[in-house]
């Protein structure tokens, strides 16, 4: 599908409704935009997450660990590395 759109002075682009609906997009939804040989490609952020799910091997020490716990551990490591101390 091809159509014409206009870029505003604020560099905003309105996605034509037919394409918006065809892609199943929703208002306020996050999308990824990438340039590929002069062509803009738009993909919903969730579609990218689903497409990439399982593509990264989970370290053995994190297998079966609750995601919230993994995030907390990552924060603790980041703070320790950046500030030389543990999160309180």
C-alpha atoms as a PDB file:
ATOM      1  CA  UNK A   1       0.000   0.000   0.000  1.00  0.00           C
ATOM      2  CA  UNK A   2       1.339   3.420  -0.903  1.00  0.00           C
ATOM      3  CA  UNK A   3      -0.025   6.862  -0.069  1.00  0.00           C
ATOM      4  CA  UNK A   4       1.165  10.428   0.455  1.00  0.00           C
ATOM      5  CA  UNK A   5       1.728  12.134   3.809  1.00  0.00           C
ATOM      6  CA  UNK A   6       3.195  15.482   4.884  1.00  0.00           C
ATOM      7  CA  UNK A   7       5.903  16.133   7.442  1.00  0.00           C
ATOM      8  CA  UNK A   8       5.037  19.145   9.630  1.00  0.00           C
ATOM      9  CA  UNK A   9       7.393  21.940  10.730  1.00  0.00           C
ATOM     10  CA  UNK A  10       7.773  19.974  13.996  1.00  0.00           C
ATOM     11  CA  UNK A  11       9.002  16.935  11.995  1.00  0.00           C
ATOM     12  CA  UNK A  12       5.770  15.072  12.759  1.00  0.00           C
ATOM     13  CA  UNK A  13       4.254  12.665  10.283  1.00  0.00           C
ATOM     14  CA  UNK A  14       0.631  11.549  10.312  1.00  0.00           C
ATOM     15  CA  UNK A  15       0.159   7.919   9.349  1.00  0.00           C
ATOM     16  CA  UNK A  16      -2.741   7.630   6.903  1.00  0.00           C
ATOM     17  CA  UNK A  17      -5.712   5.856   8.512  1.00  0.00           C
ATOM     18  CA  UNK A  18      -5.773   2.962   6.031  1.00  0.00           C
ATOM     19  CA  UNK A  19      -2.162   2.055   6.840  1.00  0.00           C
ATOM     20  CA  UNK A  20      -2.690   2.737  10.568  1.00  0.00           C
ATOM     21  CA  UNK A  21      -5.581   0.264  10.642  1.00  0.00           C
ATOM     22  CA  UNK A  22      -3.895  -2.290   8.390  1.00  0.00           C
ATOM     23  CA  UNK A  23      -0.916  -2.418  10.770  1.00  0.00           C
ATOM     24  CA  UNK A  24      -3.215  -2.713  13.799  1.00  0.00           C
ATOM     25  CA  UNK A  25      -1.686   0.341  15.447  1.00  0.00           C
ATOM     26  CA  UNK A  26      -3.330   2.188  18.342  1.00  0.00           C
ATOM     27  CA  UNK A  27      -3.116   5.785  19.547  1.00  0.00           C
ATOM     28  CA  UNK A  28      -0.187   6.457  21.925  1.00  0.00           C
ATOM     29  CA  UNK A  29       1.398   3.123  20.989  1.00  0.00           C
ATOM     30  CA  UNK A  30       5.197   3.020  20.873  1.00  0.00           C
ATOM     31  CA  UNK A  31       6.747   2.218  17.512  1.00  0.00           C
ATOM     32  CA  UNK A  32      10.273   1.644  16.262  1.00  0.00           C
ATOM     33  CA  UNK A  33      11.399   3.658  13.263  1.00  0.00           C
ATOM     34  CA  UNK A  34      14.488   2.692  11.335  1.00  0.00           C
ATOM     35  CA  UNK A  35      16.096   3.851   8.123  1.00  0.00           C
ATOM     36  CA  UNK A  36      17.042   1.202   5.580  1.00  0.00           C
ATOM     37  CA  UNK A  37      18.752   2.450   2.398  1.00  0.00           C
ATOM     38  CA  UNK A  38      16.766   5.696   2.426  1.00  0.00           C
ATOM     39  CA  UNK A  39      13.445   4.037   3.300  1.00  0.00           C
ATOM     40  CA  UNK A  40      11.726   4.557   6.664  1.00  0.00           C
ATOM     41  CA  UNK A  41      10.423   1.383   8.257  1.00  0.00           C
ATOM     42  CA  UNK A  42       7.922   1.489  11.135  1.00  0.00           C
ATOM     43  CA  UNK A  43       7.202  -1.446  13.448  1.00  0.00           C
ATOM     44  CA  UNK A  44       5.213  -1.570  16.657  1.00  0.00           C
ATOM     45  CA  UNK A  45       7.513  -1.931  19.667  1.00  0.00           C
ATOM     46  CA  UNK A  46       5.497  -4.929  20.915  1.00  0.00           C
ATOM     47  CA  UNK A  47       5.808  -6.657  17.540  1.00  0.00           C
ATOM     48  CA  UNK A  48       9.570  -6.205  17.769  1.00  0.00           C
ATOM     49  CA  UNK A  49       9.636  -7.659  21.287  1.00  0.00           C
ATOM     50  CA  UNK A  50       7.545 -10.638  20.165  1.00  0.00           C
ATOM     51  CA  UNK A  51       9.718 -11.108  17.055  1.00  0.00           C
ATOM     52  CA  UNK A  52      12.894 -11.052  19.153  1.00  0.00           C
ATOM     53  CA  UNK A  53      11.533 -13.146  22.030  1.00  0.00           C
ATOM     54  CA  UNK A  54      13.707 -16.177  22.570  1.00  0.00           C
ATOM     55  CA  UNK A  55      16.522 -14.879  20.374  1.00  0.00           C
ATOM     56  CA  UNK A  56      18.743 -14.105  23.368  1.00  0.00           C
ATOM     57  CA  UNK A  57      19.996 -17.022  25.390  1.00  0.00           C
ATOM     58  CA  UNK A  58      19.145 -16.726  29.097  1.00  0.00           C
ATOM     59  CA  UNK A  59      22.201 -17.218  31.329  1.00  0.00           C
ATOM     60  CA  UNK A  60      21.916 -20.336  33.504  1.00  0.00           C
ATOM     61  CA  UNK A  61      22.038 -18.264  36.691  1.00  0.00           C
ATOM     62  CA  UNK A  62      18.893 -16.383  35.565  1.00  0.00           C
ATOM     63  CA  UNK A  63      16.855 -19.308  34.237  1.00  0.00           C
ATOM     64  CA  UNK A  64      13.658 -19.679  36.256  1.00  0.00           C
ATOM     65  CA  UNK A  65      14.279 -16.440  38.184  1.00  0.00           C
ATOM     66  CA  UNK A  66      11.385 -13.980  38.469  1.00  0.00           C
ATOM     67  CA  UNK A  67      11.736 -11.070  36.019  1.00  0.00           C
ATOM     68  CA  UNK A  68      11.262  -8.446  38.768  1.00  0.00           C
ATOM     69  CA  UNK A  69      14.125 -10.034  40.690  1.00  0.00           C
ATOM     70  CA  UNK A  70      16.341  -9.966  37.581  1.00  0.00           C
ATOM     71  CA  UNK A  71      15.550  -6.267  37.093  1.00  0.00           C
ATOM     72  CA  UNK A  72      16.358  -5.490  40.744  1.00  0.00           C
ATOM     73  CA  UNK A  73      19.664  -7.337  40.443  1.00  0.00           C
ATOM     74  CA  UNK A  74      20.518  -5.424  37.257  1.00  0.00           C
ATOM     75  CA  UNK A  75      19.766  -2.120  39.009  1.00  0.00           C
ATOM     76  CA  UNK A  76      21.955  -3.104  41.965  1.00  0.00           C
ATOM     77  CA  UNK A  77      24.835  -4.037  39.650  1.00  0.00           C
ATOM     78  CA  UNK A  78      24.462  -0.808  37.662  1.00  0.00           C
ATOM     79  CA  UNK A  79      24.466   1.357  40.795  1.00  0.00           C
ATOM     80  CA  UNK A  80      27.436  -0.508  42.263  1.00  0.00           C
ATOM     81  CA  UNK A  81      29.417  -0.108  39.026  1.00  0.00           C
ATOM     82  CA  UNK A  82      28.480   3.534  38.497  1.00  0.00           C
ATOM     83  CA  UNK A  83      28.658   4.815  42.078  1.00  0.00           C
ATOM     84  CA  UNK A  84      30.697   2.159  43.854  1.00  0.00           C
ATOM     85  CA  UNK A  85      27.902   1.328  46.270  1.00  0.00           C
ATOM     86  CA  UNK A  86      24.846  -0.857  46.596  1.00  0.00           C
ATOM     87  CA  UNK A  87      21.273   0.421  46.250  1.00  0.00           C
ATOM     88  CA  UNK A  88      19.673   1.123  49.609  1.00  0.00           C
END
